[in-house]
Amino acid sequence: MNHKKAPVLLLAALLTLGLLLAGCSSETEEAKPLLQSFTATTLEGDSFTPEDLAGKDLTIFNFWGTFCTPCIEEMPDLAAFAKALPENVQLLTVCVDVAGDPTNAKLILEQSGYEGLTLVSGQEDFAALIQAVQALPTTIFVDSDGNLVGDVIVGGRENLAKDFLAAANKALKASGKAEISLEG
């Protein structure tokens, strides 16, 4: 690759990601279709489909990698946040670098106390979404119909629970759903 063109290509990739993942910046904007038709595979080899989104008012997807220090550092806070969510909201992680060997990802999740689902690959809309994520960690919010709602959060968070709760409530409100509070 021509190194003089690298900054231009990086900028183009970031602009494409921004256009694909641009969340609702105000409550008057419409939700953006994102995950309408897909099958994703969990770390345990099970399937996750749009029907699994339909049972929740909001699904939070946190994209991370086993090579990503900020991702690993925030994982215990992410695990605690996921456990404190009410039944109508779920948090899933998406490990982008399992590539056939889940050992390291499972170890990181176990050490952090994360007990929820982790997705590792997918087809159709989910495959396109994984390819669009260019920075880790990245967190998105999706309603029960597979629409992107609220704001995309890129980068680690010092106050993860506070920041994610605020973003989740903004997304729920934009979807006409009741805001939530964290349990215990």
N, C-alpha and C. Protein backbone atom coordinates (compact mmCIF):
# COMPACT_ATOMS: atom_id res chain seq x y z
N MET A 1 0.85 -1.18 0.00
CA MET A 1 0.00 0.00 0.00
C MET A 1 0.89 1.24 0.00
N ASN A 2 0.51 2.22 -0.73
CA ASN A 2 1.21 3.49 -0.76
C ASN A 2 0.94 4.22 0.55
N HIS A 3 2.00 4.45 1.34
CA HIS A 3 1.83 5.05 2.66
C HIS A 3 1.33 6.48 2.60
N LYS A 4 1.50 7.17 1.47
CA LYS A 4 0.97 8.52 1.32
C LYS A 4 -0.55 8.50 1.22
N LYS A 5 -1.11 7.40 0.74
CA LYS A 5 -2.56 7.28 0.59
C LYS A 5 -3.22 6.75 1.86
N ALA A 6 -2.46 6.21 2.80
CA ALA A 6 -3.02 5.61 4.01
C ALA A 6 -3.92 6.56 4.79
N PRO A 7 -3.51 7.84 5.05
CA PRO A 7 -4.41 8.73 5.78
C PRO A 7 -5.73 8.97 5.04
N VAL A 8 -5.68 9.06 3.73
CA VAL A 8 -6.90 9.27 2.95
C VAL A 8 -7.81 8.05 3.05
N LEU A 9 -7.23 6.86 2.96
CA LEU A 9 -8.02 5.63 3.08
C LEU A 9 -8.61 5.50 4.47
N LEU A 10 -7.84 5.85 5.51
CA LEU A 10 -8.35 5.80 6.88
C LEU A 10 -9.52 6.77 7.05
N LEU A 11 -9.38 7.98 6.53
CA LEU A 11 -10.46 8.95 6.61
C LEU A 11 -11.70 8.45 5.89
N ALA A 12 -11.52 7.86 4.72
CA ALA A 12 -12.65 7.32 3.97
C ALA A 12 -13.34 6.21 4.76
N ALA A 13 -12.56 5.34 5.38
CA ALA A 13 -13.13 4.25 6.18
C ALA A 13 -13.92 4.81 7.36
N LEU A 14 -13.37 5.81 8.04
CA LEU A 14 -14.06 6.41 9.18
C LEU A 14 -15.34 7.12 8.76
N LEU A 15 -15.31 7.80 7.62
CA LEU A 15 -16.52 8.47 7.14
C LEU A 15 -17.59 7.45 6.77
N THR A 16 -17.18 6.34 6.15
CA THR A 16 -18.13 5.28 5.81
C THR A 16 -18.75 4.70 7.07
N LEU A 17 -17.92 4.44 8.09
CA LEU A 17 -18.44 3.93 9.36
C LEU A 17 -19.41 4.92 9.96
N GLY A 18 -19.06 6.19 9.95
CA GLY A 18 -19.94 7.21 10.51
C GLY A 18 -21.28 7.24 9.82
N LEU A 19 -21.27 7.11 8.51
CA LEU A 19 -22.53 7.11 7.76
C LEU A 19 -23.35 5.86 8.07
N LEU A 20 -22.68 4.71 8.19
CA LEU A 20 -23.40 3.47 8.46
C LEU A 20 -23.94 3.43 9.87
N LEU A 21 -23.11 3.85 10.82
CA LEU A 21 -23.49 3.72 12.22
C LEU A 21 -24.06 4.99 12.83
N ALA A 22 -24.24 6.05 12.05
CA ALA A 22 -24.71 7.31 12.62
C ALA A 22 -26.03 7.09 13.33
N GLY A 23 -26.01 7.25 14.62
CA GLY A 23 -27.21 7.07 15.44
C GLY A 23 -28.10 8.28 15.36
N CYS A 24 -29.24 8.18 16.02
CA CYS A 24 -30.16 9.30 16.07
C CYS A 24 -29.56 10.37 16.96
N SER A 25 -29.44 11.57 16.46
CA SER A 25 -28.88 12.63 17.28
C SER A 25 -29.96 13.44 17.98
N SER A 26 -31.19 13.21 17.62
CA SER A 26 -32.28 13.85 18.34
C SER A 26 -33.48 12.91 18.36
N GLU A 27 -34.40 13.19 19.26
CA GLU A 27 -35.54 12.31 19.42
C GLU A 27 -36.50 12.38 18.25
N THR A 28 -36.37 13.37 17.38
CA THR A 28 -37.29 13.51 16.26
C THR A 28 -36.84 12.71 15.05
N GLU A 29 -35.61 12.24 15.04
CA GLU A 29 -35.13 11.46 13.90
C GLU A 29 -35.69 10.04 13.95
N GLU A 30 -35.84 9.44 12.81
CA GLU A 30 -36.31 8.07 12.72
C GLU A 30 -35.19 7.10 13.05
N ALA A 31 -35.56 5.93 13.58
CA ALA A 31 -34.58 4.87 13.81
C ALA A 31 -34.07 4.40 12.46
N LYS A 32 -32.82 3.99 12.41
CA LYS A 32 -32.21 3.56 11.16
C LYS A 32 -32.15 2.04 11.10
N PRO A 33 -32.71 1.41 10.05
CA PRO A 33 -32.64 -0.05 9.93
C PRO A 33 -31.19 -0.51 9.91
N LEU A 34 -30.89 -1.54 10.67
CA LEU A 34 -29.52 -2.02 10.77
C LEU A 34 -29.45 -3.54 10.73
N LEU A 35 -30.22 -4.18 11.57
CA LEU A 35 -30.18 -5.65 11.68
C LEU A 35 -31.56 -6.22 11.37
N GLN A 36 -31.91 -6.22 10.11
CA GLN A 36 -33.22 -6.70 9.70
C GLN A 36 -33.20 -8.20 9.36
N SER A 37 -32.13 -8.64 8.71
CA SER A 37 -32.03 -10.02 8.26
C SER A 37 -30.61 -10.51 8.54
N PHE A 38 -30.48 -11.44 9.49
CA PHE A 38 -29.15 -11.92 9.84
C PHE A 38 -29.24 -13.18 10.69
N THR A 39 -28.14 -13.87 10.74
CA THR A 39 -27.90 -14.94 11.70
C THR A 39 -26.50 -14.72 12.23
N ALA A 40 -26.38 -14.65 13.54
CA ALA A 40 -25.07 -14.51 14.18
C ALA A 40 -24.78 -15.78 14.96
N THR A 41 -23.50 -16.04 15.15
CA THR A 41 -23.07 -17.22 15.90
C THR A 41 -22.49 -16.78 17.22
N THR A 42 -22.89 -17.47 18.30
CA THR A 42 -22.39 -17.15 19.62
C THR A 42 -21.05 -17.85 19.86
N LEU A 43 -20.37 -17.45 20.89
CA LEU A 43 -19.10 -18.05 21.28
C LEU A 43 -19.27 -19.55 21.56
N GLU A 44 -20.47 -19.94 21.97
CA GLU A 44 -20.75 -21.34 22.27
C GLU A 44 -21.26 -22.12 21.06
N GLY A 45 -21.39 -21.44 19.90
CA GLY A 45 -21.82 -22.12 18.68
C GLY A 45 -23.31 -22.08 18.41
N ASP A 46 -24.07 -21.37 19.23
CA ASP A 46 -25.51 -21.25 19.02
C ASP A 46 -25.80 -20.12 18.04
N SER A 47 -27.06 -19.99 17.64
CA SER A 47 -27.46 -18.93 16.72
C SER A 47 -28.19 -17.82 17.46
N PHE A 48 -28.04 -16.61 16.93
CA PHE A 48 -28.74 -15.43 17.43
C PHE A 48 -29.32 -14.75 16.19
N THR A 49 -30.63 -14.47 16.21
CA THR A 49 -31.34 -13.96 15.04
C THR A 49 -32.21 -12.76 15.41
N PRO A 50 -32.87 -12.16 14.43
CA PRO A 50 -33.76 -11.04 14.74
C PRO A 50 -34.84 -11.39 15.78
N GLU A 51 -35.24 -12.63 15.84
CA GLU A 51 -36.22 -13.05 16.83
C GLU A 51 -35.70 -12.85 18.25
N ASP A 52 -34.37 -12.96 18.43
CA ASP A 52 -33.78 -12.74 19.75
C ASP A 52 -33.75 -11.27 20.13
N LEU A 53 -33.81 -10.39 19.14
CA LEU A 53 -33.92 -8.96 19.41
C LEU A 53 -35.35 -8.60 19.78
N ALA A 54 -36.31 -9.27 19.16
CA ALA A 54 -37.72 -8.92 19.30
C ALA A 54 -38.23 -9.02 20.73
N GLY A 55 -37.62 -9.85 21.54
CA GLY A 55 -38.08 -10.04 22.91
C GLY A 55 -37.61 -8.97 23.89
N LYS A 56 -36.82 -8.02 23.43
CA LYS A 56 -36.28 -6.97 24.30
C LYS A 56 -36.60 -5.60 23.73
N ASP A 57 -36.79 -4.63 24.60
CA ASP A 57 -37.01 -3.25 24.14
C ASP A 57 -35.73 -2.68 23.54
N LEU A 58 -34.57 -3.12 24.08
CA LEU A 58 -33.29 -2.57 23.64
C LEU A 58 -32.22 -3.64 23.79
N THR A 59 -31.38 -3.75 22.77
CA THR A 59 -30.21 -4.62 22.83
C THR A 59 -28.99 -3.74 22.64
N ILE A 60 -28.05 -3.89 23.55
CA ILE A 60 -26.80 -3.14 23.50
C ILE A 60 -25.72 -4.09 23.01
N PHE A 61 -25.06 -3.73 21.92
CA PHE A 61 -23.96 -4.53 21.37
C PHE A 61 -22.65 -3.82 21.66
N ASN A 62 -21.74 -4.50 22.35
CA ASN A 62 -20.40 -3.96 22.62
C ASN A 62 -19.39 -4.77 21.82
N PHE A 63 -18.75 -4.11 20.86
CA PHE A 63 -17.75 -4.75 20.00
C PHE A 63 -16.38 -4.61 20.65
N TRP A 64 -15.65 -5.73 20.73
CA TRP A 64 -14.34 -5.73 21.39
C TRP A 64 -13.43 -6.76 20.75
N GLY A 65 -12.17 -6.72 21.12
CA GLY A 65 -11.21 -7.69 20.62
C GLY A 65 -10.28 -8.13 21.74
N THR A 66 -9.76 -9.34 21.62
CA THR A 66 -8.86 -9.87 22.65
C THR A 66 -7.52 -9.15 22.66
N PHE A 67 -7.21 -8.42 21.60
CA PHE A 67 -5.97 -7.66 21.47
C PHE A 67 -6.11 -6.23 21.98
N CYS A 68 -7.30 -5.83 22.34
CA CYS A 68 -7.65 -4.44 22.66
C CYS A 68 -7.59 -4.20 24.17
N THR A 69 -6.56 -3.53 24.61
CA THR A 69 -6.38 -3.27 26.04
C THR A 69 -7.55 -2.50 26.65
N PRO A 70 -8.03 -1.39 26.03
CA PRO A 70 -9.18 -0.70 26.62
C PRO A 70 -10.43 -1.59 26.70
N CYS A 71 -10.61 -2.49 25.74
CA CYS A 71 -11.74 -3.41 25.76
C CYS A 71 -11.67 -4.33 26.98
N ILE A 72 -10.49 -4.89 27.19
CA ILE A 72 -10.29 -5.83 28.29
C ILE A 72 -10.40 -5.11 29.63
N GLU A 73 -9.87 -3.89 29.70
CA GLU A 73 -9.93 -3.13 30.95
C GLU A 73 -11.35 -2.77 31.34
N GLU A 74 -12.24 -2.52 30.36
CA GLU A 74 -13.61 -2.15 30.70
C GLU A 74 -14.52 -3.37 30.88
N MET A 75 -14.04 -4.56 30.56
CA MET A 75 -14.89 -5.75 30.61
C MET A 75 -15.51 -6.02 31.99
N PRO A 76 -14.79 -5.88 33.12
CA PRO A 76 -15.45 -6.09 34.41
C PRO A 76 -16.60 -5.10 34.65
N ASP A 77 -16.40 -3.83 34.25
CA ASP A 77 -17.47 -2.84 34.39
C ASP A 77 -18.64 -3.18 33.47
N LEU A 78 -18.33 -3.66 32.27
CA LEU A 78 -19.36 -4.07 31.32
C LEU A 78 -20.15 -5.25 31.89
N ALA A 79 -19.45 -6.20 32.50
CA ALA A 79 -20.10 -7.37 33.11
C ALA A 79 -21.05 -6.94 34.22
N ALA A 80 -20.60 -6.04 35.08
CA ALA A 80 -21.45 -5.56 36.18
C ALA A 80 -22.66 -4.80 35.64
N PHE A 81 -22.44 -3.99 34.60
CA PHE A 81 -23.55 -3.25 33.97
C PHE A 81 -24.58 -4.22 33.40
N ALA A 82 -24.12 -5.24 32.69
CA ALA A 82 -25.03 -6.22 32.08
C ALA A 82 -25.87 -6.93 33.14
N LYS A 83 -25.26 -7.28 34.26
CA LYS A 83 -25.98 -7.97 35.34
C LYS A 83 -27.03 -7.08 35.99
N ALA A 84 -26.82 -5.77 35.98
CA ALA A 84 -27.72 -4.83 36.63
C ALA A 84 -28.89 -4.39 35.75
N LEU A 85 -28.88 -4.76 34.48
CA LEU A 85 -29.94 -4.33 33.57
C LEU A 85 -31.26 -5.03 33.88
N PRO A 86 -32.37 -4.32 33.69
CA PRO A 86 -33.68 -4.96 33.86
C PRO A 86 -33.95 -5.93 32.70
N GLU A 87 -34.97 -6.73 32.84
CA GLU A 87 -35.29 -7.79 31.88
C GLU A 87 -35.54 -7.31 30.45
N ASN A 88 -36.01 -6.08 30.28
CA ASN A 88 -36.37 -5.61 28.94
C ASN A 88 -35.18 -5.09 28.13
N VAL A 89 -33.99 -5.09 28.73
CA VAL A 89 -32.78 -4.61 28.05
C VAL A 89 -31.70 -5.67 28.19
N GLN A 90 -31.02 -5.96 27.07
CA GLN A 90 -29.93 -6.94 27.12
C GLN A 90 -28.65 -6.33 26.57
N LEU A 91 -27.53 -6.79 27.10
CA LEU A 91 -26.23 -6.39 26.60
C LEU A 91 -25.52 -7.64 26.09
N LEU A 92 -25.05 -7.56 24.86
CA LEU A 92 -24.28 -8.65 24.25
C LEU A 92 -22.92 -8.11 23.88
N THR A 93 -21.90 -8.95 23.97
CA THR A 93 -20.61 -8.54 23.45
C THR A 93 -20.40 -9.21 22.10
N VAL A 94 -19.59 -8.58 21.27
CA VAL A 94 -19.25 -9.11 19.96
C VAL A 94 -17.73 -9.12 19.89
N CYS A 95 -17.13 -10.30 19.97
CA CYS A 95 -15.68 -10.43 19.89
C CYS A 95 -15.31 -10.56 18.42
N VAL A 96 -14.54 -9.60 17.93
CA VAL A 96 -14.26 -9.52 16.49
C VAL A 96 -13.08 -10.36 16.03
N ASP A 97 -12.37 -11.00 16.96
CA ASP A 97 -11.14 -11.69 16.55
C ASP A 97 -11.01 -13.13 17.07
N VAL A 98 -12.12 -13.82 17.23
CA VAL A 98 -12.05 -15.20 17.71
C VAL A 98 -11.40 -16.11 16.67
N ALA A 99 -11.78 -15.97 15.41
CA ALA A 99 -11.17 -16.69 14.28
C ALA A 99 -10.91 -18.17 14.56
N GLY A 100 -11.89 -18.88 15.03
CA GLY A 100 -11.77 -20.32 15.20
C GLY A 100 -11.19 -20.79 16.51
N ASP A 101 -10.56 -19.90 17.30
CA ASP A 101 -10.00 -20.31 18.59
C ASP A 101 -10.55 -19.40 19.68
N PRO A 102 -11.61 -19.84 20.35
CA PRO A 102 -12.26 -19.00 21.36
C PRO A 102 -11.59 -19.00 22.73
N THR A 103 -10.49 -19.71 22.89
CA THR A 103 -9.88 -19.90 24.21
C THR A 103 -9.59 -18.58 24.92
N ASN A 104 -8.90 -17.67 24.27
CA ASN A 104 -8.53 -16.41 24.91
C ASN A 104 -9.76 -15.56 25.22
N ALA A 105 -10.71 -15.50 24.30
CA ALA A 105 -11.93 -14.72 24.54
C ALA A 105 -12.69 -15.28 25.73
N LYS A 106 -12.83 -16.59 25.81
CA LYS A 106 -13.53 -17.20 26.94
C LYS A 106 -12.83 -16.89 28.25
N LEU A 107 -11.51 -16.92 28.26
CA LEU A 107 -10.74 -16.63 29.47
C LEU A 107 -10.96 -15.18 29.92
N ILE A 108 -10.91 -14.24 28.98
CA ILE A 108 -11.12 -12.83 29.31
C ILE A 108 -12.53 -12.62 29.88
N LEU A 109 -13.52 -13.21 29.25
CA LEU A 109 -14.89 -13.07 29.71
C LEU A 109 -15.07 -13.68 31.09
N GLU A 110 -14.51 -14.85 31.31
CA GLU A 110 -14.61 -15.52 32.61
C GLU A 110 -13.95 -14.69 33.70
N GLN A 111 -12.74 -14.19 33.44
CA GLN A 111 -12.02 -13.40 34.44
C GLN A 111 -12.73 -12.09 34.76
N SER A 112 -13.47 -11.57 33.81
CA SER A 112 -14.17 -10.30 34.02
C SER A 112 -15.51 -10.49 34.71
N GLY A 113 -16.02 -11.73 34.73
CA GLY A 113 -17.33 -11.98 35.32
C GLY A 113 -18.49 -11.81 34.37
N TYR A 114 -18.20 -11.65 33.07
CA TYR A 114 -19.27 -11.49 32.09
C TYR A 114 -19.95 -12.83 31.86
N GLU A 115 -21.27 -12.86 32.01
CA GLU A 115 -22.03 -14.11 31.89
C GLU A 115 -23.03 -14.10 30.74
N GLY A 116 -23.08 -13.02 29.98
CA GLY A 116 -24.05 -12.92 28.90
C GLY A 116 -23.55 -13.56 27.62
N LEU A 117 -24.31 -13.35 26.56
CA LEU A 117 -23.95 -13.90 25.26
C LEU A 117 -22.83 -13.08 24.61
N THR A 118 -21.97 -13.79 23.93
CA THR A 118 -20.95 -13.16 23.10
C THR A 118 -21.10 -13.70 21.69
N LEU A 119 -21.25 -12.79 20.74
CA LEU A 119 -21.35 -13.16 19.34
C LEU A 119 -19.97 -13.06 18.72
N VAL A 120 -19.69 -13.96 17.76
CA VAL A 120 -18.34 -13.99 17.19
C VAL A 120 -18.32 -13.88 15.67
N SER A 121 -19.43 -14.11 15.03
CA SER A 121 -19.49 -13.99 13.58
C SER A 121 -20.96 -13.90 13.17
N GLY A 122 -21.17 -13.63 11.90
CA GLY A 122 -22.54 -13.55 11.44
C GLY A 122 -22.63 -13.46 9.94
N GLN A 123 -23.85 -13.50 9.45
CA GLN A 123 -24.12 -13.43 8.03
C GLN A 123 -25.07 -12.27 7.76
N GLU A 124 -25.15 -11.89 6.53
CA GLU A 124 -26.03 -10.84 6.05
C GLU A 124 -25.77 -9.53 6.79
N ASP A 125 -26.81 -8.92 7.38
CA ASP A 125 -26.67 -7.61 8.03
C ASP A 125 -25.63 -7.62 9.14
N PHE A 126 -25.51 -8.73 9.86
CA PHE A 126 -24.56 -8.78 10.97
C PHE A 126 -23.12 -8.78 10.47
N ALA A 127 -22.85 -9.49 9.40
CA ALA A 127 -21.51 -9.50 8.81
C ALA A 127 -21.13 -8.09 8.35
N ALA A 128 -22.07 -7.39 7.74
CA ALA A 128 -21.80 -6.02 7.29
C ALA A 128 -21.54 -5.10 8.48
N LEU A 129 -22.26 -5.30 9.56
CA LEU A 129 -22.06 -4.49 10.75
C LEU A 129 -20.66 -4.71 11.34
N ILE A 130 -20.24 -5.96 11.46
CA ILE A 130 -18.90 -6.25 11.99
C ILE A 130 -17.84 -5.60 11.12
N GLN A 131 -17.99 -5.67 9.82
CA GLN A 131 -17.01 -5.06 8.91
C GLN A 131 -16.99 -3.54 9.02
N ALA A 132 -18.12 -2.94 9.37
CA ALA A 132 -18.20 -1.48 9.46
C ALA A 132 -17.54 -0.93 10.72
N VAL A 133 -17.46 -1.73 11.77
CA VAL A 133 -16.86 -1.26 13.01
C VAL A 133 -15.35 -1.15 12.81
N GLN A 134 -14.83 0.06 12.95
CA GLN A 134 -13.42 0.32 12.68
C GLN A 134 -12.62 0.65 13.93
N ALA A 135 -13.28 0.84 15.06
CA ALA A 135 -12.59 1.18 16.30
C ALA A 135 -13.15 0.32 17.43
N LEU A 136 -12.31 -0.04 18.35
CA LEU A 136 -12.74 -0.85 19.49
C LEU A 136 -12.32 -0.17 20.77
N PRO A 137 -13.12 -0.28 21.82
CA PRO A 137 -14.48 -0.81 21.82
C PRO A 137 -15.47 0.18 21.17
N THR A 138 -16.50 -0.38 20.56
CA THR A 138 -17.61 0.38 20.01
C THR A 138 -18.90 -0.24 20.54
N THR A 139 -19.82 0.61 20.94
CA THR A 139 -21.10 0.13 21.49
C THR A 139 -22.24 0.79 20.72
N ILE A 140 -23.20 -0.04 20.31
CA ILE A 140 -24.38 0.46 19.60
C ILE A 140 -25.64 -0.01 20.31
N PHE A 141 -26.74 0.66 20.02
CA PHE A 141 -28.03 0.37 20.65
C PHE A 141 -29.04 0.06 19.55
N VAL A 142 -29.74 -1.06 19.69
CA VAL A 142 -30.66 -1.55 18.66
C VAL A 142 -32.00 -1.86 19.31
N ASP A 143 -33.08 -1.40 18.67
CA ASP A 143 -34.41 -1.67 19.22
C ASP A 143 -34.89 -3.08 18.84
N SER A 144 -36.09 -3.42 19.25
CA SER A 144 -36.61 -4.78 19.05
C SER A 144 -36.85 -5.11 17.58
N ASP A 145 -36.89 -4.10 16.71
CA ASP A 145 -37.06 -4.33 15.27
C ASP A 145 -35.74 -4.35 14.51
N GLY A 146 -34.62 -4.25 15.23
CA GLY A 146 -33.31 -4.26 14.58
C GLY A 146 -32.85 -2.91 14.07
N ASN A 147 -33.51 -1.84 14.52
CA ASN A 147 -33.14 -0.49 14.11
C ASN A 147 -32.10 0.10 15.06
N LEU A 148 -31.12 0.79 14.50
CA LEU A 148 -30.15 1.52 15.30
C LEU A 148 -30.84 2.71 15.93
N VAL A 149 -30.75 2.84 17.25
CA VAL A 149 -31.35 3.96 17.97
C VAL A 149 -30.30 4.56 18.90
N GLY A 150 -30.45 5.84 19.16
CA GLY A 150 -29.50 6.49 20.06
C GLY A 150 -28.17 6.74 19.40
N ASP A 151 -27.18 6.95 20.24
CA ASP A 151 -25.85 7.31 19.78
C ASP A 151 -24.89 6.12 19.84
N VAL A 152 -23.96 6.10 18.92
CA VAL A 152 -22.88 5.10 18.94
C VAL A 152 -21.83 5.60 19.93
N ILE A 153 -21.33 4.71 20.77
CA ILE A 153 -20.28 5.06 21.72
C ILE A 153 -19.00 4.39 21.26
N VAL A 154 -17.98 5.19 20.99
CA VAL A 154 -16.69 4.67 20.54
C VAL A 154 -15.65 4.98 21.61
N GLY A 155 -14.90 3.96 21.99
CA GLY A 155 -13.84 4.13 22.97
C GLY A 155 -14.26 3.68 24.35
N GLY A 156 -13.26 3.43 25.18
CA GLY A 156 -13.50 3.01 26.56
C GLY A 156 -14.11 4.13 27.38
N ARG A 157 -14.73 3.78 28.46
CA ARG A 157 -15.42 4.74 29.32
C ARG A 157 -14.93 4.61 30.75
N GLU A 158 -14.57 5.74 31.34
CA GLU A 158 -14.19 5.75 32.74
C GLU A 158 -15.41 5.53 33.63
N ASN A 159 -16.55 6.10 33.22
CA ASN A 159 -17.82 5.95 33.97
C ASN A 159 -18.79 5.15 33.12
N LEU A 160 -18.42 3.90 32.83
CA LEU A 160 -19.17 3.08 31.89
C LEU A 160 -20.64 2.98 32.26
N ALA A 161 -20.97 2.60 33.49
CA ALA A 161 -22.38 2.41 33.87
C ALA A 161 -23.18 3.70 33.68
N LYS A 162 -22.63 4.82 34.11
CA LYS A 162 -23.33 6.10 33.99
C LYS A 162 -23.52 6.48 32.52
N ASP A 163 -22.45 6.36 31.73
CA ASP A 163 -22.52 6.73 30.32
C ASP A 163 -23.44 5.80 29.53
N PHE A 164 -23.33 4.49 29.76
CA PHE A 164 -24.16 3.54 29.04
C PHE A 164 -25.62 3.65 29.46
N LEU A 165 -25.89 3.90 30.74
CA LEU A 165 -27.27 4.06 31.19
C LEU A 165 -27.90 5.29 30.54
N ALA A 166 -27.16 6.38 30.48
CA ALA A 166 -27.68 7.59 29.83
C ALA A 166 -27.96 7.34 28.35
N ALA A 167 -27.05 6.66 27.67
CA ALA A 167 -27.24 6.36 26.25
C ALA A 167 -28.40 5.39 26.04
N ALA A 168 -28.53 4.40 26.91
CA ALA A 168 -29.64 3.44 26.81
C ALA A 168 -30.97 4.15 27.01
N ASN A 169 -31.04 5.03 28.00
CA ASN A 169 -32.29 5.75 28.25
C ASN A 169 -32.63 6.70 27.11
N LYS A 170 -31.63 7.32 26.51
CA LYS A 170 -31.88 8.17 25.34
C LYS A 170 -32.45 7.32 24.19
N ALA A 171 -31.88 6.13 23.98
CA ALA A 171 -32.35 5.25 22.92
C ALA A 171 -33.76 4.74 23.21
N LEU A 172 -34.03 4.38 24.46
CA LEU A 172 -35.37 3.91 24.82
C LEU A 172 -36.40 5.03 24.63
N LYS A 173 -36.05 6.21 25.07
CA LYS A 173 -36.96 7.34 24.93
C LYS A 173 -37.25 7.63 23.46
N ALA A 174 -36.21 7.57 22.62
CA ALA A 174 -36.40 7.80 21.19
C ALA A 174 -37.30 6.74 20.56
N SER A 175 -37.34 5.55 21.16
CA SER A 175 -38.19 4.47 20.68
C SER A 175 -39.58 4.48 21.32
N GLY A 176 -39.84 5.47 22.17
CA GLY A 176 -41.13 5.55 22.83
C GLY A 176 -41.27 4.59 23.99
N LYS A 177 -40.17 4.12 24.53
CA LYS A 177 -40.18 3.16 25.65
C LYS A 177 -39.80 3.88 26.94
N ALA A 178 -40.16 3.26 28.05
CA ALA A 178 -39.86 3.83 29.37
C ALA A 178 -38.36 3.72 29.65
N GLU A 179 -37.85 4.75 30.33
CA GLU A 179 -36.46 4.73 30.74
C GLU A 179 -36.27 3.68 31.83
N ILE A 180 -35.01 3.28 32.04
CA ILE A 180 -34.69 2.25 33.01
C ILE A 180 -33.76 2.80 34.09
N SER A 181 -33.65 2.04 35.16
CA SER A 181 -32.62 2.29 36.17
C SER A 181 -31.92 0.96 36.40
N LEU A 182 -30.74 1.02 36.97
CA LEU A 182 -29.98 -0.20 37.21
C LEU A 182 -30.41 -0.82 38.52
N GLU A 183 -30.47 -2.16 38.53
CA GLU A 183 -30.83 -2.88 39.74
C GLU A 183 -29.64 -2.91 40.68
N GLY A 184 -29.95 -3.03 41.96
CA GLY A 184 -28.99 -3.25 43.04
C GLY A 184 -27.73 -2.57 42.87
